[in-house]
Amino acid sequence: MADQYVFVTLGSTRFDGLVRAVEDPKLLQTLVDCGFSRLIVQYGKGDPPCCENVPPSLSIETFDYQPSIIEYIQGAALVLSHGGSGTLIECLRENAATIAVINDTLMGNHQVEFAEAMAHKRYLCYTTPCALLECVRAEKWRTLEPFPPPPARSPFLDLLDSHIGIIQ
């Protein structure tokens, strides 16, 4: 098996619950058991994960920000992402096996609605930090459906054209 990695993105804000879940020795061992040899973590404004109790066959790389994370998403065999819709859409467009980890401490949490809708169509899995270990172990992320490509022509332009005839 090639050098398979998991990419974790916490976005631009703090998400300490996901950092703590990623540090869990049981999760780290489960990643090794699933065939992963690398874990790359983008931790944003929060603290980087503690890299103690890491199985010797798993290397961990961390960074706060990069101008773009799309290359990490494209190369990952699994993405563990915060529940922000922008990042999730990037993951879906790249057909990356994705587990959306919802920050269940947020007030008026809109993240869960989007993640539930995408999970219902089997485009991604979603969970909370407390249940991440079980979600990874279940391996449903291995059998997700590909996200459909965007339409060749914008439905908005078609609507606009039907009303004012701007497209020739």
C-alpha atoms as a PDB file:
ATOM      1  CA  MET A   1       0.000   0.000   0.000  1.00  0.00           C
ATOM      2  CA  ALA A   2       1.353   3.445  -0.930  1.00  0.00           C
ATOM      3  CA  ASP A   3       1.988   6.181   1.595  1.00  0.00           C
ATOM      4  CA  GLN A   4      -1.650   6.767   2.545  1.00  0.00           C
ATOM      5  CA  TYR A   5      -2.441   9.767   4.697  1.00  0.00           C
ATOM      6  CA  VAL A   6      -5.266  11.303   6.634  1.00  0.00           C
ATOM      7  CA  PHE A   7      -5.696  15.048   6.367  1.00  0.00           C
ATOM      8  CA  VAL A   8      -7.349  16.848   9.275  1.00  0.00           C
ATOM      9  CA  THR A   9      -8.514  20.432   8.817  1.00  0.00           C
ATOM     10  CA  LEU A  10      -9.830  22.564  11.637  1.00  0.00           C
ATOM     11  CA  GLY A  11     -10.359  25.648   9.489  1.00  0.00           C
ATOM     12  CA  SER A  12      -9.555  29.161  10.621  1.00  0.00           C
ATOM     13  CA  THR A  13     -11.053  29.044  14.100  1.00  0.00           C
ATOM     14  CA  ARG A  14     -10.387  27.033  17.239  1.00  0.00           C
ATOM     15  CA  PHE A  15     -11.871  23.553  17.404  1.00  0.00           C
ATOM     16  CA  ASP A  16     -10.296  22.079  20.509  1.00  0.00           C
ATOM     17  CA  GLY A  17     -12.693  19.130  20.550  1.00  0.00           C
ATOM     18  CA  LEU A  18     -11.393  17.874  17.217  1.00  0.00           C
ATOM     19  CA  VAL A  19      -7.769  18.429  18.275  1.00  0.00           C
ATOM     20  CA  ARG A  20      -8.364  16.337  21.418  1.00  0.00           C
ATOM     21  CA  ALA A  21     -10.065  13.609  19.378  1.00  0.00           C
ATOM     22  CA  VAL A  22      -7.120  13.471  16.944  1.00  0.00           C
ATOM     23  CA  GLU A  23      -4.671  13.139  19.856  1.00  0.00           C
ATOM     24  CA  ASP A  24      -6.448  10.054  21.214  1.00  0.00           C
ATOM     25  CA  PRO A  25      -4.025   7.086  21.105  1.00  0.00           C
ATOM     26  CA  LYS A  26      -6.948   4.786  20.231  1.00  0.00           C
ATOM     27  CA  LEU A  27      -7.791   6.875  17.176  1.00  0.00           C
ATOM     28  CA  LEU A  28      -4.132   7.021  16.132  1.00  0.00           C
ATOM     29  CA  GLN A  29      -3.860   3.231  16.377  1.00  0.00           C
ATOM     30  CA  THR A  30      -7.111   2.818  14.457  1.00  0.00           C
ATOM     31  CA  LEU A  31      -5.667   4.954  11.654  1.00  0.00           C
ATOM     32  CA  VAL A  32      -2.642   2.650  11.512  1.00  0.00           C
ATOM     33  CA  ASP A  33      -4.947  -0.389  11.546  1.00  0.00           C
ATOM     34  CA  CYS A  34      -6.811   1.150   8.569  1.00  0.00           C
ATOM     35  CA  GLY A  35      -3.549   1.313   6.623  1.00  0.00           C
ATOM     36  CA  PHE A  36      -2.505   4.925   7.141  1.00  0.00           C
ATOM     37  CA  SER A  37       1.117   5.886   7.689  1.00  0.00           C
ATOM     38  CA  ARG A  38       0.785   9.687   7.905  1.00  0.00           C
ATOM     39  CA  LEU A  39      -1.468  12.181   9.627  1.00  0.00           C
ATOM     40  CA  ILE A  40      -1.371  15.805   8.463  1.00  0.00           C
ATOM     41  CA  VAL A  41      -3.168  18.312  10.685  1.00  0.00           C
ATOM     42  CA  GLN A  42      -4.064  21.905   9.807  1.00  0.00           C
ATOM     43  CA  TYR A  43      -4.947  23.362  13.211  1.00  0.00           C
ATOM     44  CA  GLY A  44      -5.781  27.031  12.489  1.00  0.00           C
ATOM     45  CA  LYS A  45      -5.925  29.408  15.461  1.00  0.00           C
ATOM     46  CA  GLY A  46      -5.957  26.624  18.032  1.00  0.00           C
ATOM     47  CA  ASP A  47      -3.141  24.685  19.587  1.00  0.00           C
ATOM     48  CA  PRO A  48      -1.439  21.982  17.551  1.00  0.00           C
ATOM     49  CA  PRO A  49      -2.199  18.424  18.605  1.00  0.00           C
ATOM     50  CA  CYS A  50       0.045  16.838  21.197  1.00  0.00           C
ATOM     51  CA  CYS A  51       2.202  14.288  19.422  1.00  0.00           C
ATOM     52  CA  GLU A  52       2.790  11.933  22.347  1.00  0.00           C
ATOM     53  CA  ASN A  53       1.692   8.275  22.339  1.00  0.00           C
ATOM     54  CA  VAL A  54       1.894   8.085  18.555  1.00  0.00           C
ATOM     55  CA  PRO A  55       2.352   4.595  17.097  1.00  0.00           C
ATOM     56  CA  PRO A  56       5.851   4.297  15.612  1.00  0.00           C
ATOM     57  CA  SER A  57       4.443   3.510  12.151  1.00  0.00           C
ATOM     58  CA  LEU A  58       2.487   6.794  12.004  1.00  0.00           C
ATOM     59  CA  SER A  59       4.164  10.110  11.250  1.00  0.00           C
ATOM     60  CA  ILE A  60       2.424  13.376  12.130  1.00  0.00           C
ATOM     61  CA  GLU A  61       2.862  16.718  10.391  1.00  0.00           C
ATOM     62  CA  THR A  62       1.151  19.889  11.607  1.00  0.00           C
ATOM     63  CA  PHE A  63       0.732  23.454  10.388  1.00  0.00           C
ATOM     64  CA  ASP A  64      -1.486  26.376  11.258  1.00  0.00           C
ATOM     65  CA  TYR A  65      -2.311  27.819   7.833  1.00  0.00           C
ATOM     66  CA  GLN A  66      -1.425  27.421   4.162  1.00  0.00           C
ATOM     67  CA  PRO A  67      -2.554  29.645   1.285  1.00  0.00           C
ATOM     68  CA  SER A  68      -4.554  26.660   0.015  1.00  0.00           C
ATOM     69  CA  ILE A  69      -5.310  23.204   1.408  1.00  0.00           C
ATOM     70  CA  ILE A  70      -6.693  21.764  -1.822  1.00  0.00           C
ATOM     71  CA  GLU A  71      -3.528  19.738  -2.549  1.00  0.00           C
ATOM     72  CA  TYR A  72      -3.792  18.104   0.882  1.00  0.00           C
ATOM     73  CA  ILE A  73      -7.442  17.243   0.217  1.00  0.00           C
ATOM     74  CA  GLN A  74      -6.619  15.861  -3.237  1.00  0.00           C
ATOM     75  CA  GLY A  75      -3.854  13.614  -1.930  1.00  0.00           C
ATOM     76  CA  ALA A  76      -5.585  12.345   1.190  1.00  0.00           C
ATOM     77  CA  ALA A  77      -7.124   8.895   1.410  1.00  0.00           C
ATOM     78  CA  LEU A  78      -9.347  10.271   4.198  1.00  0.00           C
ATOM     79  CA  VAL A  79     -10.207  13.821   5.265  1.00  0.00           C
ATOM     80  CA  LEU A  80     -11.399  14.649   8.768  1.00  0.00           C
ATOM     81  CA  SER A  81     -12.866  18.113   8.391  1.00  0.00           C
ATOM     82  CA  HIS A  82     -14.536  20.698  10.568  1.00  0.00           C
ATOM     83  CA  GLY A  83     -18.152  21.190   9.528  1.00  0.00           C
ATOM     84  CA  GLY A  84     -17.738  24.436   7.598  1.00  0.00           C
ATOM     85  CA  SER A  85     -19.657  24.226   4.339  1.00  0.00           C
ATOM     86  CA  GLY A  86     -16.905  25.807   2.218  1.00  0.00           C
ATOM     87  CA  THR A  87     -14.322  23.199   3.169  1.00  0.00           C
ATOM     88  CA  LEU A  88     -16.841  20.375   2.924  1.00  0.00           C
ATOM     89  CA  ILE A  89     -17.793  21.450  -0.592  1.00  0.00           C
ATOM     90  CA  GLU A  90     -14.090  21.470  -1.559  1.00  0.00           C
ATOM     91  CA  CYS A  91     -13.802  17.918  -0.214  1.00  0.00           C
ATOM     92  CA  LEU A  92     -16.934  16.810  -2.054  1.00  0.00           C
ATOM     93  CA  ARG A  93     -15.811  18.346  -5.356  1.00  0.00           C
ATOM     94  CA  GLU A  94     -12.519  16.449  -5.057  1.00  0.00           C
ATOM     95  CA  ASN A  95     -14.437  13.234  -4.218  1.00  0.00           C
ATOM     96  CA  ALA A  96     -12.338  12.884  -1.090  1.00  0.00           C
ATOM     97  CA  ALA A  97     -13.497  10.317   1.449  1.00  0.00           C
ATOM     98  CA  THR A  98     -14.628  12.755   4.128  1.00  0.00           C
ATOM     99  CA  ILE A  99     -15.810  12.637   7.695  1.00  0.00           C
ATOM    100  CA  ALA A 100     -17.314  15.959   8.743  1.00  0.00           C
ATOM    101  CA  VAL A 101     -16.690  16.491  12.440  1.00  0.00           C
ATOM    102  CA  ILE A 102     -19.348  18.816  13.765  1.00  0.00           C
ATOM    103  CA  ASN A 103     -18.488  21.290  16.493  1.00  0.00           C
ATOM    104  CA  ASP A 104     -21.418  20.493  18.779  1.00  0.00           C
ATOM    105  CA  THR A 105     -20.480  23.303  21.196  1.00  0.00           C
ATOM    106  CA  LEU A 106     -21.550  26.033  18.770  1.00  0.00           C
ATOM    107  CA  MET A 107     -24.776  27.926  19.384  1.00  0.00           C
ATOM    108  CA  GLY A 108     -27.322  27.759  16.545  1.00  0.00           C
ATOM    109  CA  ASN A 109     -25.237  25.099  14.858  1.00  0.00           C
ATOM    110  CA  HIS A 110     -25.946  25.205  11.121  1.00  0.00           C
ATOM    111  CA  GLN A 111     -23.090  22.798  10.377  1.00  0.00           C
ATOM    112  CA  VAL A 112     -25.095  19.734  11.310  1.00  0.00           C
ATOM    113  CA  GLU A 113     -27.869  20.516   8.808  1.00  0.00           C
ATOM    114  CA  PHE A 114     -25.515  20.595   5.825  1.00  0.00           C
ATOM    115  CA  ALA A 115     -23.570  17.540   7.020  1.00  0.00           C
ATOM    116  CA  GLU A 116     -26.794  15.569   7.594  1.00  0.00           C
ATOM    117  CA  ALA A 117     -28.042  16.402   4.095  1.00  0.00           C
ATOM    118  CA  MET A 118     -24.767  15.324   2.483  1.00  0.00           C
ATOM    119  CA  ALA A 119     -24.577  12.173   4.647  1.00  0.00           C
ATOM    120  CA  HIS A 120     -28.166  11.278   3.707  1.00  0.00           C
ATOM    121  CA  LYS A 121     -27.020  11.157   0.072  1.00  0.00           C
ATOM    122  CA  ARG A 122     -23.918   9.187   1.166  1.00  0.00           C
ATOM    123  CA  TYR A 123     -21.471  11.822  -0.083  1.00  0.00           C
ATOM    124  CA  LEU A 124     -19.753  11.995   3.320  1.00  0.00           C
ATOM    125  CA  CYS A 125     -19.986  10.726   6.882  1.00  0.00           C
ATOM    126  CA  TYR A 126     -20.479  13.027   9.826  1.00  0.00           C
ATOM    127  CA  THR A 127     -19.946  12.789  13.545  1.00  0.00           C
ATOM    128  CA  THR A 128     -18.952  14.757  16.624  1.00  0.00           C
ATOM    129  CA  PRO A 129     -15.509  14.763  18.230  1.00  0.00           C
ATOM    130  CA  CYS A 130     -16.687  12.340  20.934  1.00  0.00           C
ATOM    131  CA  ALA A 131     -17.853   9.773  18.354  1.00  0.00           C
ATOM    132  CA  LEU A 132     -15.015  10.199  15.839  1.00  0.00           C
ATOM    133  CA  LEU A 133     -13.222   7.010  16.872  1.00  0.00           C
ATOM    134  CA  GLU A 134     -16.325   4.887  16.270  1.00  0.00           C
ATOM    135  CA  CYS A 135     -16.982   6.621  12.943  1.00  0.00           C
ATOM    136  CA  VAL A 136     -13.468   5.893  11.669  1.00  0.00           C
ATOM    137  CA  ARG A 137     -13.651   2.295  12.913  1.00  0.00           C
ATOM    138  CA  ALA A 138     -16.984   1.719  11.135  1.00  0.00           C
ATOM    139  CA  GLU A 139     -15.206   2.465   7.821  1.00  0.00           C
ATOM    140  CA  LYS A 140     -18.371   3.673   6.062  1.00  0.00           C
ATOM    141  CA  TRP A 141     -16.132   6.383   4.602  1.00  0.00           C
ATOM    142  CA  ARG A 142     -14.662   3.708   2.320  1.00  0.00           C
ATOM    143  CA  THR A 143     -17.959   3.253   0.420  1.00  0.00           C
ATOM    144  CA  LEU A 144     -19.213   6.801  -0.148  1.00  0.00           C
ATOM    145  CA  GLU A 145     -20.946   7.915  -3.335  1.00  0.00           C
ATOM    146  CA  PRO A 146     -19.163  10.356  -5.661  1.00  0.00           C
ATOM    147  CA  PHE A 147     -20.433  13.919  -5.504  1.00  0.00           C
ATOM    148  CA  PRO A 148     -22.031  14.929  -8.828  1.00  0.00           C
ATOM    149  CA  PRO A 149     -20.173  17.475 -10.952  1.00  0.00           C
ATOM    150  CA  PRO A 150     -21.618  20.965 -11.278  1.00  0.00           C
ATOM    151  CA  PRO A 151     -23.854  21.606 -14.284  1.00  0.00           C
ATOM    152  CA  ALA A 152     -22.070  22.659 -17.476  1.00  0.00           C
ATOM    153  CA  ARG A 153     -24.157  25.807 -17.505  1.00  0.00           C
ATOM    154  CA  SER A 154     -25.382  27.732 -14.487  1.00  0.00           C
ATOM    155  CA  PRO A 155     -29.081  27.251 -13.665  1.00  0.00           C
ATOM    156  CA  PHE A 156     -29.050  30.882 -12.536  1.00  0.00           C
ATOM    157  CA  LEU A 157     -27.975  32.037 -15.994  1.00  0.00           C
ATOM    158  CA  ASP A 158     -30.744  29.949 -17.556  1.00  0.00           C
ATOM    159  CA  LEU A 159     -33.295  31.574 -15.246  1.00  0.00           C
ATOM    160  CA  LEU A 160     -31.936  35.032 -15.954  1.00  0.00           C
ATOM    161  CA  ASP A 161     -31.960  34.342 -19.694  1.00  0.00           C
ATOM    162  CA  SER A 162     -35.573  33.154 -19.568  1.00  0.00           C
ATOM    163  CA  HIS A 163     -36.600  36.499 -18.067  1.00  0.00           C
ATOM    164  CA  ILE A 164     -34.457  39.022 -19.904  1.00  0.00           C
ATOM    165  CA  GLY A 165     -32.842  37.135 -22.803  1.00  0.00           C
ATOM    166  CA  ILE A 166     -29.171  37.976 -22.242  1.00  0.00           C
ATOM    167  CA  ILE A 167     -27.565  34.780 -23.555  1.00  0.00           C
ATOM    168  CA  GLN A 168     -27.212  34.255 -27.274  1.00  0.00           C
END
